[in-house]
Amino acid sequence: MSVQTDRTDTGTGTGTAAAPGVRKTDVSPPDGTGIRKGKGQSKDPAGRRGGASAPYVLLLPALLATVILLGWPLIKNGMLSFQNLNPRQLILHLTEWRGFDNYTDVLSSADFWKVVQRTVVFTAVNVVLTMVFGTLVGLLLARLGKRMRLVLLLGVVLAWAMPVIAATTVYQWLFAQRFGVVNWLLAKAGWSSMADYNWFGTQLSTFSVITLLIVWQSIPFVAINLYAATTTIPKELYEAASIDGAGTWKSFSSVTFPFIRPFLWATTFLEVIWIFKAFPQIFAMNKGGPDRLTETLPIYAFVEGPGNQHYGMGAAISFLTILILLALTAYYLRTVLKQEEDEL
């Protein structure tokens, strides 16, 4: 309640007088928390709850698009893997359910397990080579001057931006048997037996060309990521390490590596997924040949499915491939969460 007074009160005992025209306002006492609530403060926490839900509302369109564009095809592929779908069923619009027979046939096939083993070895070799050379290029970018760094970055980005099929075609020309540049250079260097060498005639030589192509395409991603990671390292740490007498290797192991380790782990995981499911390079290079000896799981699923017109079998193989990738993803997430708990 507000009280307004215009009279002058004279204190008899104190000798002081209140100033005329002073408006006295009674201030409500604080509540149980001891905090006075002003006009601008809201008593209802509904506003705070609305602000907390705002990020989820913003993510909703992306989640819906993911469910529609990825979730629905995944469900259809899963349903197809339980069917017997051949040209006859397609023409007559028949749906023949086989249950788990497609999966039983695939898992009991010796060819499937050979392809799985081949895919794992192929992925491991490519990931190791990519991470080693990509890390070296990334560290080189961090040590170069501004001009040379710009030149190297330009070359790396151009290699990364080159379309996959175009790059595969270029490698086919380079390693062509009769008119390939690689055979010509090897013959000029003294290896005359390599003048007409067929790089796509054996399993090992074909995989060598494919590995060279995939590593060349993967290095830019790793190098740029790790170079970006090195820019976050404070220079004072390197100065302190040099004062302590640390050499190049000691400086890398004690300063650089601890900072780039999370980036290395995340990049390695992404490279495992990308190389494991690599399809255009292998198929466009030699269609999984010779004699289907360079087929990996994606190529095997395509050849057994649309290639042989056994679409249910191909769907089962592709779904098993997805399950393997999901298992790798779960292992990665579990490792990341464990590292975060250890850091806390």
Foldseek 3Di string as FASTA:
>chain_A
DWDWDQDWDADPVPRDIDDGRDTDDDDDADPPVRDDDDPPDDPDCVVVVVVVCVVVVVCVVVVVCCCVVPVVVLVVLVQLLQWFFFVVCVVVVDTHGNGCVLVVVLVPDPVNVVQAVLLVVLLVVLLVLLLVLLLVLLVVLLPDDPVVNVVSLVVLVVLQPDDLLVLLVVLCQCQAQARHVVLVVCCVVPPVVSNRDRQQPDLVSLSVSLSVSSSSNRSSVSNVLLNVQQVPFDVVLVVVCVVVVDDDVRCCVPGVCVRCVVVSLVSSLVSSVCSSQDDPNSCSNPLCDDVNSNDHLNSVLCCVPVVVRRPSSSSSSVSVSVVVNVVSVVVSVVVVVVVVVVVD
